[in-house]
Amino acid sequence: MLLTLTYTGQNTTDLGYLLYKNPYRPQVFNLNHGKAYVFYPEASHERTTAALLLDIDPIDLARGKVGTSGGGLFDYVNDRPYVSSSFLSTAIAKVFGTAMTGRADTHQALSDSPLNLAATVTMLPCRGEQEKLKTVFEPLGYDVTYETFVSDENFPNWGNSKYVTLTLSGRVRLRDLLKHLYVLIPVFDRHKHYWVGADEVEKLLRMGADWLPNHPEKTYITGRYLSRRRLLVNMAFERLSAANVLDGEVIADEPDELEELEEPEATEEAIAQSKIEEQKEPDKKMNLNTQRLGSVVAALKSCGAQRVIDLGCGEGNLLFLLIKERQITQIAGVDVSHAALERANKKLKLEQAGDALRDRVTLFQGSLTYKDARFAGYDAACVIEVIEHLDMSRLAAFERVLFEFARPPVVVLTTPNLEYNEKYETLDALSLRHSDHRFEYTRAEFREWASDVAKKHGYAVQFSEIGDLDAKLGAPTQMGVFTLCE
């Protein structure tokens, strides 16, 4: 799989500062499903190209370490290791994650400016939908060209291949180009390597917040990205409608197009999940905690984390979800309460579990406001609905413990949105949501605090909202994903 990004103009080697990748030093990144290589085929004053090459081990896929379409012969005879599929989208987030946030330190002005950029995606699956390439990408400001191929030169009657090499060019910000590729490559890939669940709704809306609500192909993009799962598509459109209300526009329900959505190709996991969903009330909304934990798991999967620590794990609700994720190989849960850890141990059934699970999961008691060497060495740390239980005077100590001493590459943090409390019948605008909460942030306060922490400790941070969105008050939960700048 090959993606190239080309910058033309003046001082184009500054592309290396935006991507956090030195043009004169090739780099290698280990992923769950193979290796990613970053190198620069050309680097000059007027034109610089960065290449992301993804090498997938087909035997590794067949052994089930990542997950495939449905077992059998498909595991061994397929295009997964060779075409620009959802694997490439995951690699973009892993390798260019900091660039996607738009943070560029001394070159921030360049990062914030539209540049003459071109992206070439080699061998993108496009099964008879070449016309969609233009209708999907042109509204985003790109000139679209693509190269087609015959399936076999010896058998011209077989017609054209279902793959194209796509080139997008335009004057855009690099962060926007990367986000567009991250979302839209999986739209054209019908065999995603990951399970499509509620967490993918959150990811789509987070990455498409600036452009998806008003995109003329939003129905097509949303349906294909979510593998045409009607429940998830309806959930996404409800949130998209709310987003457009915030911008002064209401989008139509578009029932005719939604009626054409198909069910995803059946896999054992998909069948099992659909049976669970069929037992639920059709109009029953997912509760806030389920949405919150799903968003956290999605963020962890998106960043490729394998070793995860949950700081303030409570009775282990997040840990219970993480042990189901094959990507997560090492899990730790920390809480100041011994009783909470005992409940987590019981929920996870560690006493009855085999050696493999007990080796994979660790629970230990600790305080988040004291430096602890056991907190270090993880790919990601989760702090879910925790900081509001700390005294304000202890918040600075927590910041140092996590961001200065433990210093994980990724921190996923959620906290209540104080503004939303007036939506609850038993609360008013100034009441806290729980008797043990020492404080709660408004959206502006949380963004200010998180941005200050990120800047002080060398992180970039992205924000999103979780739960039913109110046009004036926002959503009940706010989330910040902190990424350590390289």
Protein backbone atom coordinates (compact mmCIF):
# COMPACT_ATOMS: atom_id res chain seq x y z
CA MET A 1 0.00 0.00 0.00
CA LEU A 2 1.43 3.33 -1.01
CA LEU A 3 0.37 6.91 -0.27
CA THR A 4 2.40 9.90 -1.44
CA LEU A 5 1.97 13.51 -0.33
CA THR A 6 3.54 16.20 -2.54
CA TYR A 7 4.05 19.85 -1.64
CA THR A 8 4.99 22.32 -4.40
CA GLY A 9 5.97 25.94 -3.95
CA GLN A 10 8.85 27.45 -1.99
CA ASN A 11 10.81 25.92 0.89
CA THR A 12 8.82 22.75 0.38
CA THR A 13 11.14 20.65 2.56
CA ASP A 14 9.25 22.30 5.45
CA LEU A 15 6.75 19.52 4.81
CA GLY A 16 8.98 17.50 7.13
CA TYR A 17 8.17 19.87 10.01
CA LEU A 18 4.43 19.50 9.41
CA LEU A 19 4.59 15.69 9.22
CA TYR A 20 7.15 15.44 12.05
CA LYS A 21 9.25 13.27 9.71
CA ASN A 22 12.78 14.26 8.64
CA PRO A 23 13.07 14.31 4.81
CA TYR A 24 16.62 12.97 5.05
CA ARG A 25 16.01 10.04 7.40
CA PRO A 26 13.73 7.11 6.50
CA GLN A 27 11.66 5.82 9.41
CA VAL A 28 9.98 2.52 10.26
CA PHE A 29 6.88 2.06 12.44
CA ASN A 30 5.60 -1.25 13.83
CA LEU A 31 1.85 -1.71 13.49
CA ASN A 32 -0.41 -4.53 14.62
CA HIS A 33 -0.73 -5.75 11.06
CA GLY A 34 2.73 -5.08 9.64
CA LYS A 35 5.22 -2.27 9.22
CA ALA A 36 4.89 1.27 7.90
CA TYR A 37 7.80 3.03 6.20
CA VAL A 38 8.09 6.80 5.69
CA PHE A 39 10.63 8.18 3.22
CA TYR A 40 10.98 11.07 0.77
CA PRO A 41 11.45 10.11 -2.91
CA GLU A 42 12.15 13.78 -3.67
CA ALA A 43 13.07 16.76 -1.52
CA SER A 44 13.98 20.11 -3.04
CA HIS A 45 13.26 23.79 -2.60
CA GLU A 46 10.37 23.72 -5.11
CA ARG A 47 8.93 20.21 -4.69
CA THR A 48 8.94 17.66 -1.87
CA THR A 49 7.18 14.30 -1.72
CA ALA A 50 6.66 12.15 1.37
CA ALA A 51 5.73 8.49 0.90
CA LEU A 52 3.95 6.19 3.34
CA LEU A 53 4.50 2.56 2.40
CA LEU A 54 2.57 -0.07 4.31
CA ASP A 55 3.83 -3.66 4.26
CA ILE A 56 1.20 -6.17 5.38
CA ASP A 57 2.08 -9.78 6.17
CA PRO A 58 -0.67 -11.90 4.51
CA ILE A 59 0.15 -14.94 6.63
CA ASP A 60 -0.17 -12.83 9.75
CA LEU A 61 -3.69 -11.90 8.65
CA ALA A 62 -4.61 -15.51 8.00
CA ARG A 63 -3.53 -16.47 11.49
CA GLY A 64 -6.23 -14.23 12.85
CA LYS A 65 -4.10 -11.65 14.63
CA VAL A 66 -6.02 -8.79 13.10
CA GLY A 67 -9.27 -10.17 11.77
CA THR A 68 -10.55 -10.87 8.29
CA SER A 69 -13.81 -11.11 6.44
CA GLY A 70 -15.14 -14.48 7.38
CA GLY A 71 -12.62 -17.28 7.43
CA GLY A 72 -12.03 -20.03 4.93
CA LEU A 73 -10.27 -19.49 1.59
CA PHE A 74 -10.74 -15.70 1.77
CA ASP A 75 -8.16 -15.55 4.56
CA TYR A 76 -5.49 -16.77 2.13
CA VAL A 77 -6.69 -15.50 -1.26
CA ASN A 78 -7.60 -11.81 -0.98
CA ASP A 79 -6.39 -8.32 -1.84
CA ARG A 80 -6.00 -7.09 1.74
CA PRO A 81 -2.19 -6.82 1.89
CA TYR A 82 -1.86 -5.15 -1.51
CA VAL A 83 -4.51 -2.44 -1.95
CA SER A 84 -5.14 0.89 -0.23
CA SER A 85 -7.75 -0.32 2.20
CA SER A 86 -8.77 0.43 5.78
CA PHE A 87 -5.30 -0.73 6.86
CA LEU A 88 -3.85 2.36 5.18
CA SER A 89 -6.32 4.61 6.98
CA THR A 90 -5.19 3.17 10.32
CA ALA A 91 -1.54 3.69 9.35
CA ILE A 92 -2.21 7.36 8.51
CA ALA A 93 -3.57 7.92 12.03
CA LYS A 94 -0.65 6.10 13.61
CA VAL A 95 2.19 7.64 11.59
CA PHE A 96 0.82 11.12 10.89
CA GLY A 97 -1.34 11.52 14.01
CA THR A 98 0.36 14.70 15.17
CA ALA A 99 0.08 16.25 11.70
CA MET A 100 -3.66 15.52 11.72
CA THR A 101 -4.03 17.69 14.83
CA GLY A 102 -2.50 20.65 12.99
CA ARG A 103 0.13 21.36 15.62
CA ALA A 104 3.51 22.35 14.16
CA ASP A 105 5.26 24.35 16.91
CA THR A 106 7.64 26.84 15.20
CA HIS A 107 5.91 26.27 11.84
CA GLN A 108 2.37 26.79 13.10
CA ALA A 109 1.61 29.52 10.56
CA LEU A 110 2.51 27.12 7.75
CA SER A 111 0.33 24.41 9.25
CA ASP A 112 -2.61 26.81 9.47
CA SER A 113 -2.24 27.91 5.84
CA PRO A 114 -3.60 26.30 2.66
CA LEU A 115 -0.74 24.75 0.64
CA ASN A 116 -0.36 23.40 -2.88
CA LEU A 117 -0.71 19.73 -2.02
CA ALA A 118 -1.32 16.55 -3.97
CA ALA A 119 -1.99 13.07 -2.62
CA THR A 120 -1.75 9.87 -4.66
CA VAL A 121 -3.39 6.72 -3.34
CA THR A 122 -2.15 3.67 -5.21
CA MET A 123 -4.61 0.88 -6.00
CA LEU A 124 -7.72 2.12 -4.22
CA PRO A 125 -10.63 -0.37 -4.35
CA CYS A 126 -13.32 1.22 -6.47
CA ARG A 127 -15.75 -1.42 -7.73
CA GLY A 128 -17.54 0.30 -10.59
CA GLU A 129 -17.88 3.54 -8.61
CA GLN A 130 -15.35 5.74 -10.36
CA GLU A 131 -17.94 8.50 -10.73
CA LYS A 132 -18.15 8.66 -6.94
CA LEU A 133 -14.50 9.66 -6.71
CA LYS A 134 -15.34 13.07 -8.17
CA THR A 135 -18.62 13.59 -6.30
CA VAL A 136 -16.97 12.69 -2.99
CA PHE A 137 -13.66 14.57 -3.30
CA GLU A 138 -14.43 17.58 -5.52
CA PRO A 139 -16.77 19.29 -2.99
CA LEU A 140 -13.82 19.26 -0.59
CA GLY A 141 -11.82 21.45 -2.98
CA TYR A 142 -9.75 18.88 -4.87
CA ASP A 143 -9.03 18.34 -8.54
CA VAL A 144 -9.59 14.62 -9.02
CA THR A 145 -7.83 12.38 -11.52
CA TYR A 146 -7.51 8.62 -11.52
CA GLU A 147 -5.83 5.94 -13.56
CA THR A 148 -7.64 2.72 -14.43
CA PHE A 149 -6.17 -0.61 -15.50
CA VAL A 150 -7.30 -3.63 -17.47
CA SER A 151 -7.83 -6.70 -15.33
CA ASP A 152 -5.50 -8.78 -17.48
CA GLU A 153 -3.75 -7.69 -20.66
CA ASN A 154 -3.99 -11.23 -21.98
CA PHE A 155 -7.77 -11.26 -21.52
CA PRO A 156 -9.04 -7.78 -22.52
CA ASN A 157 -12.63 -9.01 -22.55
CA TRP A 158 -12.44 -9.23 -18.76
CA GLY A 159 -12.71 -5.45 -18.73
CA ASN A 160 -11.14 -2.95 -16.34
CA SER A 161 -9.79 -3.73 -12.92
CA LYS A 162 -11.82 -2.76 -9.86
CA TYR A 163 -8.82 -0.76 -8.59
CA VAL A 164 -7.72 2.75 -9.47
CA THR A 165 -4.76 4.95 -8.63
CA LEU A 166 -6.30 8.16 -7.32
CA THR A 167 -4.65 11.59 -7.31
CA LEU A 168 -6.10 14.55 -5.42
CA SER A 169 -4.64 18.02 -5.80
CA GLY A 170 -5.66 21.38 -4.44
CA ARG A 171 -4.80 24.25 -2.16
CA VAL A 172 -5.70 22.90 1.26
CA ARG A 173 -4.30 22.58 4.75
CA LEU A 174 -2.30 19.42 5.34
CA ARG A 175 -4.35 18.46 8.39
CA ASP A 176 -7.55 18.60 6.32
CA LEU A 177 -6.07 16.46 3.54
CA LEU A 178 -5.01 13.80 6.04
CA LYS A 179 -8.41 13.76 7.74
CA HIS A 180 -10.19 13.48 4.38
CA LEU A 181 -8.02 10.51 3.42
CA TYR A 182 -8.44 8.93 6.85
CA VAL A 183 -12.24 8.97 6.57
CA LEU A 184 -12.76 8.43 2.85
CA ILE A 185 -10.33 5.59 2.07
CA PRO A 186 -12.49 3.20 4.16
CA VAL A 187 -15.58 4.52 2.36
CA PHE A 188 -14.32 2.86 -0.84
CA ASP A 189 -13.18 -0.31 0.97
CA ARG A 190 -15.96 -2.85 1.44
CA HIS A 191 -13.85 -5.29 3.48
CA LYS A 192 -12.76 -3.32 6.52
CA HIS A 193 -10.32 -5.08 8.81
CA TYR A 194 -12.05 -3.86 11.99
CA TRP A 195 -15.45 -4.35 13.55
CA VAL A 196 -17.82 -1.49 12.73
CA GLY A 197 -19.68 -0.53 15.89
CA ALA A 198 -20.91 2.54 17.72
CA ASP A 199 -17.35 3.72 18.28
CA GLU A 200 -16.98 4.22 14.52
CA VAL A 201 -19.87 6.70 14.60
CA GLU A 202 -17.94 8.81 17.08
CA LYS A 203 -14.78 8.58 14.99
CA LEU A 204 -16.59 9.59 11.79
CA LEU A 205 -18.26 12.59 13.39
CA ARG A 206 -15.06 13.71 15.07
CA MET A 207 -12.97 13.59 11.92
CA GLY A 208 -15.73 14.92 9.68
CA ALA A 209 -17.00 17.68 11.95
CA ASP A 210 -15.77 20.50 9.70
CA TRP A 211 -17.07 19.20 6.38
CA LEU A 212 -19.38 16.18 6.56
CA PRO A 213 -22.65 17.86 7.72
CA ASN A 214 -22.88 19.94 4.51
CA HIS A 215 -21.31 17.48 2.07
CA PRO A 216 -23.64 16.64 -0.85
CA GLU A 217 -22.62 12.96 -0.57
CA LYS A 218 -23.02 12.75 3.21
CA THR A 219 -25.52 9.90 2.89
CA TYR A 220 -23.20 7.83 0.72
CA ILE A 221 -20.15 8.59 2.88
CA THR A 222 -21.92 7.87 6.16
CA GLY A 223 -23.54 4.67 4.91
CA ARG A 224 -20.38 3.23 3.41
CA TYR A 225 -18.13 4.25 6.29
CA LEU A 226 -20.48 2.51 8.72
CA SER A 227 -20.83 -0.57 6.47
CA ARG A 228 -24.49 0.29 5.85
CA ARG A 229 -25.54 -0.71 9.35
CA ARG A 230 -28.90 1.05 9.65
CA LEU A 231 -28.79 1.51 13.43
CA LEU A 232 -25.40 3.21 13.26
CA VAL A 233 -26.30 5.31 10.22
CA ASN A 234 -29.43 6.62 11.93
CA MET A 235 -27.38 7.45 14.99
CA ALA A 236 -24.87 9.34 12.85
CA PHE A 237 -27.55 11.29 10.98
CA GLU A 238 -29.17 12.35 14.23
CA ARG A 239 -25.84 13.84 15.30
CA LEU A 240 -25.24 15.38 11.86
CA SER A 241 -28.64 17.06 12.04
CA ALA A 242 -27.74 18.53 15.40
CA ALA A 243 -24.45 19.79 14.00
CA ASN A 244 -26.22 21.58 11.17
CA VAL A 245 -28.73 23.12 13.56
CA LEU A 246 -25.74 24.65 15.35
CA ASP A 247 -24.68 26.20 12.05
CA GLY A 248 -28.15 27.57 11.36
CA GLU A 249 -29.18 24.90 8.89
CA VAL A 250 -31.38 21.84 9.24
CA ILE A 251 -30.67 18.89 6.97
CA ALA A 252 -33.45 16.72 5.66
CA ASP A 253 -34.01 13.18 6.84
CA GLU A 254 -33.45 11.86 3.29
CA PRO A 255 -35.58 8.74 3.90
CA ASP A 256 -35.45 7.52 0.32
CA GLU A 257 -31.68 7.23 0.25
CA LEU A 258 -31.54 5.67 3.71
CA GLU A 259 -34.05 3.02 2.68
CA GLU A 260 -31.52 1.76 0.13
CA LEU A 261 -28.89 0.96 2.73
CA GLU A 262 -27.92 -2.68 2.76
CA GLU A 263 -26.76 -4.93 5.55
CA PRO A 264 -22.98 -5.55 5.77
CA GLU A 265 -21.48 -8.75 4.50
CA ALA A 266 -21.96 -11.36 7.20
CA THR A 267 -19.11 -12.36 9.46
CA GLU A 268 -19.36 -14.47 12.57
CA GLU A 269 -18.81 -11.38 14.70
CA ALA A 270 -21.36 -9.36 12.71
CA ILE A 271 -23.97 -12.10 13.04
CA ALA A 272 -23.44 -12.32 16.78
CA GLN A 273 -23.69 -8.56 17.18
CA SER A 274 -26.82 -8.32 15.05
CA LYS A 275 -28.53 -10.95 17.22
CA ILE A 276 -27.79 -8.85 20.27
CA GLU A 277 -29.16 -5.71 18.63
CA GLU A 278 -32.32 -7.48 17.45
CA GLN A 279 -33.20 -8.20 21.07
CA LYS A 280 -33.10 -4.48 21.93
CA GLU A 281 -36.01 -2.08 21.59
CA PRO A 282 -35.65 -0.47 18.16
CA ASP A 283 -35.98 3.10 19.47
CA LYS A 284 -34.01 2.59 22.67
CA LYS A 285 -31.05 4.94 22.74
CA MET A 286 -27.65 3.82 23.86
CA ASN A 287 -27.06 5.08 27.41
CA LEU A 288 -24.44 7.74 28.00
CA ASN A 289 -21.91 5.48 29.72
CA THR A 290 -22.04 3.01 26.83
CA GLN A 291 -21.48 5.83 24.34
CA ARG A 292 -18.67 7.23 26.46
CA LEU A 293 -16.82 3.93 26.80
CA GLY A 294 -17.36 3.18 23.11
CA SER A 295 -15.78 6.52 22.22
CA VAL A 296 -12.78 5.78 24.44
CA VAL A 297 -12.26 2.34 22.89
CA ALA A 298 -12.52 3.90 19.43
CA ALA A 299 -9.83 6.45 20.30
CA LEU A 300 -7.53 3.70 21.60
CA LYS A 301 -8.01 1.58 18.49
CA SER A 302 -7.50 4.58 16.24
CA CYS A 303 -4.10 5.38 17.77
CA GLY A 304 -3.00 1.72 17.60
CA ALA A 305 -2.44 1.37 21.36
CA GLN A 306 -1.47 -2.10 22.55
CA ARG A 307 -0.55 -1.43 26.19
CA VAL A 308 -3.25 0.54 28.02
CA ILE A 309 -3.57 1.74 31.60
CA ASP A 310 -6.92 2.89 33.02
CA LEU A 311 -6.26 5.44 35.78
CA GLY A 312 -9.23 5.51 38.13
CA CYS A 313 -10.67 2.28 36.75
CA GLY A 314 -13.43 1.92 39.36
CA GLU A 315 -15.21 -1.38 39.07
CA GLY A 316 -13.66 -2.13 35.67
CA ASN A 317 -16.29 -1.19 33.08
CA LEU A 318 -13.69 0.00 30.57
CA LEU A 319 -11.34 -2.89 31.37
CA PHE A 320 -14.19 -5.30 30.60
CA LEU A 321 -14.40 -3.87 27.08
CA LEU A 322 -10.65 -3.71 26.55
CA ILE A 323 -10.09 -7.43 27.20
CA LYS A 324 -12.35 -8.11 24.19
CA GLU A 325 -10.09 -6.11 21.87
CA ARG A 326 -7.46 -8.29 20.24
CA GLN A 327 -5.33 -5.22 19.55
CA ILE A 328 -4.88 -4.54 23.30
CA THR A 329 -2.20 -6.93 24.56
CA GLN A 330 -1.52 -5.49 28.03
CA ILE A 331 -4.07 -3.87 30.34
CA ALA A 332 -3.66 -2.26 33.75
CA GLY A 333 -6.33 -0.88 36.06
CA VAL A 334 -5.52 1.55 38.88
CA ASP A 335 -7.78 2.91 41.59
CA VAL A 336 -7.34 4.48 45.00
CA SER A 337 -10.18 2.33 46.36
CA HIS A 338 -9.36 -1.24 47.29
CA ALA A 339 -13.08 -2.09 47.31
CA ALA A 340 -13.44 -0.84 43.72
CA LEU A 341 -10.52 -3.02 42.64
CA GLU A 342 -12.15 -6.05 44.26
CA ARG A 343 -15.33 -5.36 42.27
CA ALA A 344 -13.26 -5.00 39.09
CA ASN A 345 -11.54 -8.30 39.81
CA LYS A 346 -14.93 -9.96 40.21
CA LYS A 347 -16.34 -8.36 37.03
CA LEU A 348 -13.36 -9.55 34.98
CA LYS A 349 -13.46 -13.00 36.64
CA LEU A 350 -9.69 -13.01 36.98
CA GLU A 351 -9.75 -15.65 39.70
CA GLN A 352 -11.37 -18.14 37.31
CA ALA A 353 -9.50 -16.96 34.21
CA GLY A 354 -6.68 -18.81 32.51
CA ASP A 355 -3.03 -17.83 32.72
CA ALA A 356 -3.19 -15.91 29.44
CA LEU A 357 -5.81 -13.44 30.71
CA ARG A 358 -4.21 -13.09 34.15
CA ASP A 359 -0.89 -12.31 32.48
CA ARG A 360 -2.60 -9.77 30.26
CA VAL A 361 -4.50 -7.85 32.98
CA THR A 362 -3.03 -6.19 36.09
CA LEU A 363 -4.96 -4.42 38.86
CA PHE A 364 -3.22 -2.35 41.52
CA GLN A 365 -3.99 0.34 44.06
CA GLY A 366 -2.52 3.79 43.58
CA SER A 367 -3.14 7.51 43.82
CA LEU A 368 -3.22 9.70 40.73
CA THR A 369 -1.65 12.64 42.57
CA TYR A 370 1.59 10.87 43.56
CA LYS A 371 4.40 9.93 41.21
CA ASP A 372 4.31 6.18 40.59
CA ALA A 373 6.76 4.31 38.36
CA ARG A 374 4.06 1.69 37.66
CA PHE A 375 2.11 4.27 35.62
CA ALA A 376 4.85 4.50 32.97
CA GLY A 377 5.55 2.32 29.94
CA TYR A 378 2.06 2.22 28.39
CA ASP A 379 1.02 3.27 24.88
CA ALA A 380 -2.08 5.03 26.19
CA ALA A 381 -3.59 6.13 29.49
CA CYS A 382 -7.33 6.53 30.06
CA VAL A 383 -8.75 8.94 32.64
CA ILE A 384 -12.50 8.48 32.39
CA GLU A 385 -14.74 10.70 34.55
CA VAL A 386 -11.99 11.07 37.15
CA ILE A 387 -10.58 14.60 37.31
CA GLU A 388 -13.84 16.06 38.61
CA HIS A 389 -13.37 13.94 41.77
CA LEU A 390 -10.06 15.68 42.55
CA ASP A 391 -9.77 18.85 44.58
CA MET A 392 -8.75 21.76 42.38
CA SER A 393 -5.67 22.19 44.55
CA ARG A 394 -4.56 18.64 43.62
CA LEU A 395 -5.16 18.99 39.88
CA ALA A 396 -1.66 20.36 39.22
CA ALA A 397 -0.14 17.32 40.96
CA PHE A 398 -2.24 15.02 38.79
CA GLU A 399 -1.08 16.84 35.64
CA ARG A 400 2.58 16.29 36.55
CA VAL A 401 2.07 12.64 37.52
CA LEU A 402 0.45 11.82 34.20
CA PHE A 403 1.86 14.22 31.61
CA GLU A 404 5.34 14.84 33.01
CA PHE A 405 6.36 11.61 34.74
CA ALA A 406 4.27 8.76 33.22
CA ARG A 407 4.20 10.60 29.85
CA PRO A 408 2.29 8.08 27.70
CA PRO A 409 2.14 8.76 23.93
CA VAL A 410 -1.67 9.09 24.14
CA VAL A 411 -4.02 10.19 26.93
CA VAL A 412 -7.79 9.81 26.56
CA LEU A 413 -9.64 11.91 29.14
CA THR A 414 -13.36 12.52 29.66
CA THR A 415 -15.24 14.74 32.11
CA PRO A 416 -18.80 16.08 32.48
CA ASN A 417 -19.96 19.24 30.75
CA LEU A 418 -21.31 21.56 33.46
CA GLU A 419 -23.47 23.50 31.00
CA TYR A 420 -25.52 20.41 30.18
CA ASN A 421 -26.67 19.90 33.78
CA GLU A 422 -29.70 22.15 33.37
CA LYS A 423 -31.09 19.47 31.03
CA TYR A 424 -31.51 17.20 34.06
CA GLU A 425 -34.74 17.71 36.01
CA THR A 426 -33.07 17.42 39.42
CA LEU A 427 -30.24 19.87 38.64
CA ASP A 428 -29.89 23.50 37.75
CA ALA A 429 -27.19 25.30 35.81
CA LEU A 430 -24.92 25.61 38.87
CA SER A 431 -25.44 22.14 40.41
CA LEU A 432 -22.82 19.42 40.09
CA ARG A 433 -23.80 16.06 38.65
CA HIS A 434 -22.60 13.95 41.58
CA SER A 435 -22.18 14.61 45.30
CA ASP A 436 -18.52 13.52 45.13
CA HIS A 437 -17.62 15.91 42.32
CA ARG A 438 -15.36 18.74 43.50
CA PHE A 439 -15.90 20.76 40.32
CA GLU A 440 -17.15 20.43 36.74
CA TYR A 441 -15.88 22.29 33.68
CA THR A 442 -17.88 24.14 31.09
CA ARG A 443 -16.84 23.43 27.52
CA ALA A 444 -14.76 26.59 27.32
CA GLU A 445 -13.10 25.91 30.68
CA PHE A 446 -12.22 22.34 29.75
CA ARG A 447 -10.73 23.37 26.43
CA GLU A 448 -8.69 26.08 28.12
CA TRP A 449 -7.41 23.72 30.83
CA ALA A 450 -6.64 20.88 28.40
CA SER A 451 -4.94 23.18 25.90
CA ASP A 452 -2.75 24.67 28.63
CA VAL A 453 -1.77 21.19 29.87
CA ALA A 454 -0.98 20.04 26.33
CA LYS A 455 1.13 23.10 25.55
CA LYS A 456 3.04 22.90 28.84
CA HIS A 457 3.95 19.22 28.47
CA GLY A 458 4.45 18.88 24.71
CA TYR A 459 1.15 17.33 23.67
CA ALA A 460 -1.46 18.15 21.05
CA VAL A 461 -5.11 17.73 22.01
CA GLN A 462 -8.31 17.08 20.05
CA PHE A 463 -11.77 17.61 21.50
CA SER A 464 -15.09 15.88 20.93
CA GLU A 465 -18.48 15.66 22.63
CA ILE A 466 -20.29 12.49 23.64
CA GLY A 467 -24.00 11.92 24.11
CA ASP A 468 -27.16 13.69 22.95
CA LEU A 469 -26.14 17.07 21.58
CA ASP A 470 -28.08 20.19 22.56
CA ALA A 471 -27.74 23.15 20.20
CA LYS A 472 -27.09 25.56 23.07
CA LEU A 473 -25.62 23.44 25.86
CA GLY A 474 -23.54 20.91 23.98
CA ALA A 475 -23.34 17.22 24.98
CA PRO A 476 -23.26 15.77 28.52
CA THR A 477 -19.68 14.47 28.24
CA GLN A 478 -16.62 16.12 26.74
CA MET A 479 -13.49 14.23 25.70
CA GLY A 480 -9.93 15.28 25.04
CA VAL A 481 -7.43 13.03 23.25
CA PHE A 482 -3.88 14.14 23.98
CA THR A 483 -1.11 13.03 21.60
CA LEU A 484 2.55 13.42 22.52
CA CYS A 485 4.36 15.52 19.93
CA GLU A 486 7.35 13.73 18.45
